Amino acid sequence: MVEAKVTLTQPRTLLRQFVAQTGTGHHMILDDTAGGTGPKPIELVAVALAGCTAFDVITYLRFKRHQNVTGYEVHVEADQAEKAPQMFTSVRIHHKVTGSETDPTAVDEAIKLSEGKYCSVGAMLRSSAEIITTFEIVPDRVLAHVAA
C-alpha cells in the first residue's frame, strides 16, 4: 500500500501551501505558482515518471548488462489538456547516459523494459498521454583519457 497525506500549512490565510508527508515519513512543501515555495502537484507526476524509469534503467544497465555508467539523467516534458482536469496529453522522456563503452542496445533494452513492464507511473500515464522516449549516450571523457 502507498500512502500520502497533505496538510494546509496556514489555514487562516488564503495561501494554498501544503506540507506533504509520504507513508515512509518523508516531507516536502507543495505550493502553487503564486506561492512559489514548492512544486505544484502536477510537477510531481513528471518527477515520479522520471524517477520510476530512472530506477529501472540504471538497475538494468548496471546489474543485468554490467555497463559502466558514470552519469545518468532523465528529462521529462509534458503537455497538458487545456481544460480541467488538464491531464497529460503528450510526454517526452529523454535519457542521457554517460559512461565508458556504453552499449546502445543495452540502453534501448533497458528503456523498453521500463516502459513495457516495470514503470508503474508510465503505465498509468499511458491511458491519457502519448509517451515518446529518446536517449543519448555521452562518452565519459575522464575514463577515456585514463584508459588511453
Protein backbone atom coordinates (compact mmCIF):
# COMPACT_ATOMS: atom_id res chain seq x y z
CA MET A 1 0.00 0.00 0.00
CA VAL A 2 1.21 3.51 -0.82
CA GLU A 3 0.19 6.32 1.50
CA ALA A 4 0.40 10.11 1.45
CA LYS A 5 -1.08 12.97 3.42
CA VAL A 6 -1.17 16.72 2.79
CA THR A 7 -1.92 19.34 5.44
CA LEU A 8 -2.69 23.01 4.82
CA THR A 9 0.17 24.98 6.39
CA GLN A 10 -1.64 28.23 7.17
CA PRO A 11 -5.37 27.52 7.45
CA ARG A 12 -6.29 31.06 8.47
CA THR A 13 -4.85 32.72 5.34
CA LEU A 14 -5.67 32.49 1.65
CA LEU A 15 -2.37 30.74 0.87
CA ARG A 16 -2.59 27.32 -0.76
CA GLN A 17 0.59 25.81 0.63
CA PHE A 18 0.65 22.27 1.99
CA VAL A 19 3.10 20.04 3.78
CA ALA A 20 3.10 16.62 2.16
CA GLN A 21 4.07 13.51 4.08
CA THR A 22 4.70 10.17 2.43
CA GLY A 23 3.85 6.88 4.05
CA THR A 24 7.58 6.35 4.60
CA GLY A 25 7.83 9.58 6.59
CA HIS A 26 9.35 11.98 4.06
CA HIS A 27 8.14 15.57 3.96
CA MET A 28 8.01 18.32 1.33
CA ILE A 29 6.21 21.57 0.67
CA LEU A 30 3.59 21.70 -2.11
CA ASP A 31 2.52 25.03 -3.47
CA ASP A 32 1.04 26.78 -6.47
CA THR A 33 2.74 29.16 -8.86
CA ALA A 34 1.69 32.20 -6.82
CA GLY A 35 3.32 30.96 -3.62
CA GLY A 36 6.38 29.51 -5.28
CA THR A 37 7.75 27.72 -2.20
CA GLY A 38 7.47 24.17 -3.52
CA PRO A 39 6.48 22.13 -6.56
CA LYS A 40 2.96 22.04 -7.93
CA PRO A 41 1.36 18.59 -7.58
CA ILE A 42 1.36 18.02 -11.36
CA GLU A 43 5.12 18.62 -11.43
CA LEU A 44 5.49 15.74 -9.00
CA VAL A 45 3.83 13.46 -11.56
CA ALA A 46 6.60 14.33 -14.04
CA VAL A 47 9.21 13.78 -11.30
CA ALA A 48 7.61 10.43 -10.42
CA LEU A 49 7.79 9.33 -14.06
CA ALA A 50 11.43 10.38 -14.39
CA GLY A 51 12.34 8.67 -11.13
CA CYS A 52 10.42 5.50 -11.88
CA THR A 53 12.04 4.91 -15.25
CA ALA A 54 15.46 6.03 -13.97
CA PHE A 55 15.48 3.34 -11.27
CA ASP A 56 14.51 0.70 -13.83
CA VAL A 57 17.04 1.73 -16.46
CA ILE A 58 20.05 2.19 -14.16
CA THR A 59 19.36 -1.14 -12.45
CA TYR A 60 19.21 -2.98 -15.77
CA LEU A 61 22.29 -1.27 -17.17
CA ARG A 62 24.48 -1.78 -14.13
CA PHE A 63 23.36 -5.14 -12.78
CA LYS A 64 21.98 -7.06 -15.76
CA ARG A 65 24.14 -5.70 -18.60
CA HIS A 66 27.18 -4.66 -16.48
CA GLN A 67 27.55 -1.29 -18.20
CA ASN A 68 30.00 1.24 -16.76
CA VAL A 69 27.53 4.11 -16.29
CA THR A 70 29.20 7.10 -14.64
CA GLY A 71 26.38 9.60 -15.07
CA TYR A 72 22.69 9.43 -15.85
CA GLU A 73 19.78 11.82 -16.03
CA VAL A 74 16.20 11.65 -17.23
CA HIS A 75 14.43 14.74 -18.52
CA VAL A 76 10.62 14.75 -18.77
CA GLU A 77 8.48 17.33 -20.56
CA ALA A 78 4.70 17.01 -20.64
CA ASP A 79 1.90 18.86 -22.39
CA GLN A 80 -1.43 19.14 -20.61
CA ALA A 81 -5.00 19.34 -21.86
CA GLU A 82 -6.30 22.91 -21.91
CA LYS A 83 -9.43 22.12 -19.89
CA ALA A 84 -9.74 20.60 -16.44
CA PRO A 85 -8.61 18.14 -15.28
CA GLN A 86 -5.64 19.08 -17.52
CA MET A 87 -4.28 15.55 -17.78
CA PHE A 88 -1.01 14.96 -19.61
CA THR A 89 -1.68 14.51 -23.33
CA SER A 90 1.87 14.15 -24.59
CA VAL A 91 5.03 13.24 -22.68
CA ARG A 92 8.60 13.33 -23.89
CA ILE A 93 11.23 11.41 -21.93
CA HIS A 94 14.92 11.85 -22.73
CA HIS A 95 17.56 9.62 -21.14
CA LYS A 96 21.15 10.88 -21.08
CA VAL A 97 23.60 8.11 -20.20
CA THR A 98 27.26 8.88 -19.58
CA GLY A 99 29.75 6.06 -19.45
CA SER A 100 32.65 4.20 -20.91
CA GLU A 101 31.93 1.93 -23.89
CA THR A 102 28.20 2.02 -23.20
CA ASP A 103 26.27 -0.35 -25.47
CA PRO A 104 23.36 1.44 -27.23
CA THR A 105 21.49 -1.86 -27.50
CA ALA A 106 21.63 -2.27 -23.71
CA VAL A 107 20.28 1.25 -23.20
CA ASP A 108 17.46 0.64 -25.67
CA GLU A 109 16.57 -2.68 -23.98
CA ALA A 110 16.58 -1.06 -20.54
CA ILE A 111 14.23 1.70 -21.65
CA LYS A 112 11.88 -0.73 -23.41
CA LEU A 113 11.71 -2.96 -20.32
CA SER A 114 10.95 0.04 -18.14
CA GLU A 115 8.21 1.26 -20.48
CA GLY A 116 6.66 -2.11 -21.19
CA LYS A 117 6.99 -3.95 -17.92
CA TYR A 118 8.32 -2.18 -14.83
CA CYS A 119 7.49 1.54 -14.58
CA SER A 120 4.10 1.79 -12.89
CA VAL A 121 3.95 5.58 -13.28
CA GLY A 122 4.43 5.34 -17.04
CA ALA A 123 1.81 2.61 -17.26
CA MET A 124 -0.72 4.88 -15.53
CA LEU A 125 0.08 7.86 -17.76
CA ARG A 126 -0.22 5.85 -20.97
CA SER A 127 -4.01 5.82 -20.58
CA SER A 128 -4.17 9.57 -21.28
CA ALA A 129 -0.89 10.51 -22.94
CA GLU A 130 1.31 9.61 -25.86
CA ILE A 131 4.79 8.89 -24.49
CA ILE A 132 7.80 9.46 -26.72
CA THR A 133 11.21 8.33 -25.50
CA THR A 134 14.67 9.20 -26.77
CA PHE A 135 18.16 8.63 -25.45
CA GLU A 136 21.71 9.71 -25.97
CA ILE A 137 25.00 8.22 -24.85
CA VAL A 138 27.78 10.58 -23.82
CA PRO A 139 31.30 9.13 -23.61
CA ASP A 140 32.92 9.69 -20.23
CA ARG A 141 35.95 11.72 -21.28
CA VAL A 142 37.70 11.30 -17.93
CA LEU A 143 37.58 7.50 -18.18
CA ALA A 144 38.54 7.58 -21.87
CA HIS A 145 41.57 9.73 -21.02
CA VAL A 146 42.63 7.48 -18.11
CA ALA A 147 42.33 4.36 -20.29
CA ALA A 148 44.48 5.85 -23.08
